[in-house]
Amino acid sequence: ECRVCGYRFTPEREKIYTAEEPRSMADMLTKAPTRFSAVDCPVCGCQIALAIRAPRIDFPAIVERHDADAEETEGGEDED
């Protein structure tokens, strides 16, 4: 539903595009861009944000785990 004119419609897959939120020059250097899926209202033409698109995270093929419970501490404790 359009928040400007109130027209209700179902977005067509072909008309959905990716938009980016405007940023200041300082934010361009420090923050990642906020991207979202959007569609234009067929009646008034305003942009309607559908969903925020999070950046993809690529994990390395081999992930090493550190298991602190399996290791024994050697002489690290002080006795009174």
C-alpha atoms as a PDB file:
ATOM      1  CA  GLU A   1       0.000   0.000   0.000  1.00  0.00           C
ATOM      2  CA  CYS A   2       1.285   3.443  -0.920  1.00  0.00           C
ATOM      3  CA  ARG A   3       1.667   5.743   2.101  1.00  0.00           C
ATOM      4  CA  VAL A   4       1.111   8.862  -0.022  1.00  0.00           C
ATOM      5  CA  CYS A   5      -1.988   8.101  -2.107  1.00  0.00           C
ATOM      6  CA  GLY A   6      -3.240   4.926  -0.340  1.00  0.00           C
ATOM      7  CA  TYR A   7      -3.332   2.814  -3.520  1.00  0.00           C
ATOM      8  CA  ARG A   8      -3.032  -0.928  -2.810  1.00  0.00           C
ATOM      9  CA  PHE A   9      -1.160  -3.059  -5.334  1.00  0.00           C
ATOM     10  CA  THR A  10       0.981  -6.180  -5.567  1.00  0.00           C
ATOM     11  CA  PRO A  11       4.554  -5.418  -6.700  1.00  0.00           C
ATOM     12  CA  GLU A  12       5.610  -7.161  -9.905  1.00  0.00           C
ATOM     13  CA  ARG A  13       8.972  -8.923  -9.776  1.00  0.00           C
ATOM     14  CA  GLU A  14      10.232  -7.135 -12.900  1.00  0.00           C
ATOM     15  CA  LYS A  15       9.582  -3.689 -11.390  1.00  0.00           C
ATOM     16  CA  ILE A  16      11.454  -4.243  -8.102  1.00  0.00           C
ATOM     17  CA  TYR A  17      14.867  -2.543  -8.012  1.00  0.00           C
ATOM     18  CA  THR A  18      17.651  -1.895  -5.503  1.00  0.00           C
ATOM     19  CA  ALA A  19      17.974   1.648  -4.130  1.00  0.00           C
ATOM     20  CA  GLU A  20      20.553   3.213  -1.830  1.00  0.00           C
ATOM     21  CA  GLU A  21      19.902   5.643   1.001  1.00  0.00           C
ATOM     22  CA  PRO A  22      21.612   9.027   0.517  1.00  0.00           C
ATOM     23  CA  ARG A  23      24.647   9.680   2.755  1.00  0.00           C
ATOM     24  CA  SER A  24      26.780  12.668   3.672  1.00  0.00           C
ATOM     25  CA  MET A  25      30.447  12.867   2.667  1.00  0.00           C
ATOM     26  CA  ALA A  26      31.555  11.890   6.190  1.00  0.00           C
ATOM     27  CA  ASP A  27      29.256   8.854   6.173  1.00  0.00           C
ATOM     28  CA  MET A  28      30.599   7.779   2.774  1.00  0.00           C
ATOM     29  CA  LEU A  29      34.032   7.358   4.318  1.00  0.00           C
ATOM     30  CA  THR A  30      32.966   5.628   7.524  1.00  0.00           C
ATOM     31  CA  LYS A  31      29.693   3.725   7.012  1.00  0.00           C
ATOM     32  CA  ALA A  32      28.569   1.047   4.592  1.00  0.00           C
ATOM     33  CA  PRO A  33      25.687   2.083   2.325  1.00  0.00           C
ATOM     34  CA  THR A  34      22.153   1.116   3.321  1.00  0.00           C
ATOM     35  CA  ARG A  35      20.537  -0.619   0.351  1.00  0.00           C
ATOM     36  CA  PHE A  36      16.920  -1.702   0.069  1.00  0.00           C
ATOM     37  CA  SER A  37      14.524  -3.266  -2.406  1.00  0.00           C
ATOM     38  CA  ALA A  38      11.996  -0.745  -3.694  1.00  0.00           C
ATOM     39  CA  VAL A  39       9.183  -0.309  -6.189  1.00  0.00           C
ATOM     40  CA  ASP A  40       7.442   2.792  -7.567  1.00  0.00           C
ATOM     41  CA  CYS A  41       3.733   3.393  -6.957  1.00  0.00           C
ATOM     42  CA  PRO A  42       1.861   3.019 -10.277  1.00  0.00           C
ATOM     43  CA  VAL A  43      -0.530   5.897  -9.420  1.00  0.00           C
ATOM     44  CA  CYS A  44       1.572   8.681  -7.859  1.00  0.00           C
ATOM     45  CA  GLY A  45       5.101   7.443  -8.697  1.00  0.00           C
ATOM     46  CA  CYS A  46       6.574   7.701  -5.199  1.00  0.00           C
ATOM     47  CA  GLN A  47       9.213   5.202  -4.078  1.00  0.00           C
ATOM     48  CA  ILE A  48       8.073   2.437  -1.708  1.00  0.00           C
ATOM     49  CA  ALA A  49      10.772   0.611   0.276  1.00  0.00           C
ATOM     50  CA  LEU A  50      10.049  -3.114   0.537  1.00  0.00           C
ATOM     51  CA  ALA A  51      12.964  -4.646   2.482  1.00  0.00           C
ATOM     52  CA  ILE A  52      16.444  -3.666   3.663  1.00  0.00           C
ATOM     53  CA  ARG A  53      19.159  -5.632   1.870  1.00  0.00           C
ATOM     54  CA  ALA A  54      21.931  -6.680   4.252  1.00  0.00           C
ATOM     55  CA  PRO A  55      25.437  -7.153   2.815  1.00  0.00           C
ATOM     56  CA  ARG A  56      26.489 -10.726   2.118  1.00  0.00           C
ATOM     57  CA  ILE A  57      28.968 -12.277   4.548  1.00  0.00           C
ATOM     58  CA  ASP A  58      31.441 -14.772   3.121  1.00  0.00           C
ATOM     59  CA  PHE A  59      32.835 -17.234   5.648  1.00  0.00           C
ATOM     60  CA  PRO A  60      36.237 -18.847   5.046  1.00  0.00           C
ATOM     61  CA  ALA A  61      36.220 -22.474   3.905  1.00  0.00           C
ATOM     62  CA  ILE A  62      37.922 -23.696   7.105  1.00  0.00           C
ATOM     63  CA  VAL A  63      36.899 -22.169  10.407  1.00  0.00           C
ATOM     64  CA  GLU A  64      39.109 -22.948  13.406  1.00  0.00           C
ATOM     65  CA  ARG A  65      37.417 -23.155  16.767  1.00  0.00           C
ATOM     66  CA  HIS A  66      39.041 -22.430  20.084  1.00  0.00           C
ATOM     67  CA  ASP A  67      37.674 -24.746  22.756  1.00  0.00           C
ATOM     68  CA  ALA A  68      38.668 -23.296  26.139  1.00  0.00           C
ATOM     69  CA  ASP A  69      37.072 -26.153  28.097  1.00  0.00           C
ATOM     70  CA  ALA A  70      39.305 -28.778  26.493  1.00  0.00           C
ATOM     71  CA  GLU A  71      42.562 -27.049  27.451  1.00  0.00           C
ATOM     72  CA  GLU A  72      44.089 -27.393  30.898  1.00  0.00           C
ATOM     73  CA  THR A  73      45.757 -24.471  32.593  1.00  0.00           C
ATOM     74  CA  GLU A  74      49.280 -25.191  33.780  1.00  0.00           C
ATOM     75  CA  GLY A  75      50.350 -23.518  37.038  1.00  0.00           C
ATOM     76  CA  GLY A  76      48.431 -20.325  36.420  1.00  0.00           C
ATOM     77  CA  GLU A  77      46.721 -20.225  39.798  1.00  0.00           C
ATOM     78  CA  ASP A  78      48.182 -18.728  42.989  1.00  0.00           C
ATOM     79  CA  GLU A  79      47.645 -20.635  46.220  1.00  0.00           C
ATOM     80  CA  ASP A  80      47.261 -18.807  49.549  1.00  0.00           C
END
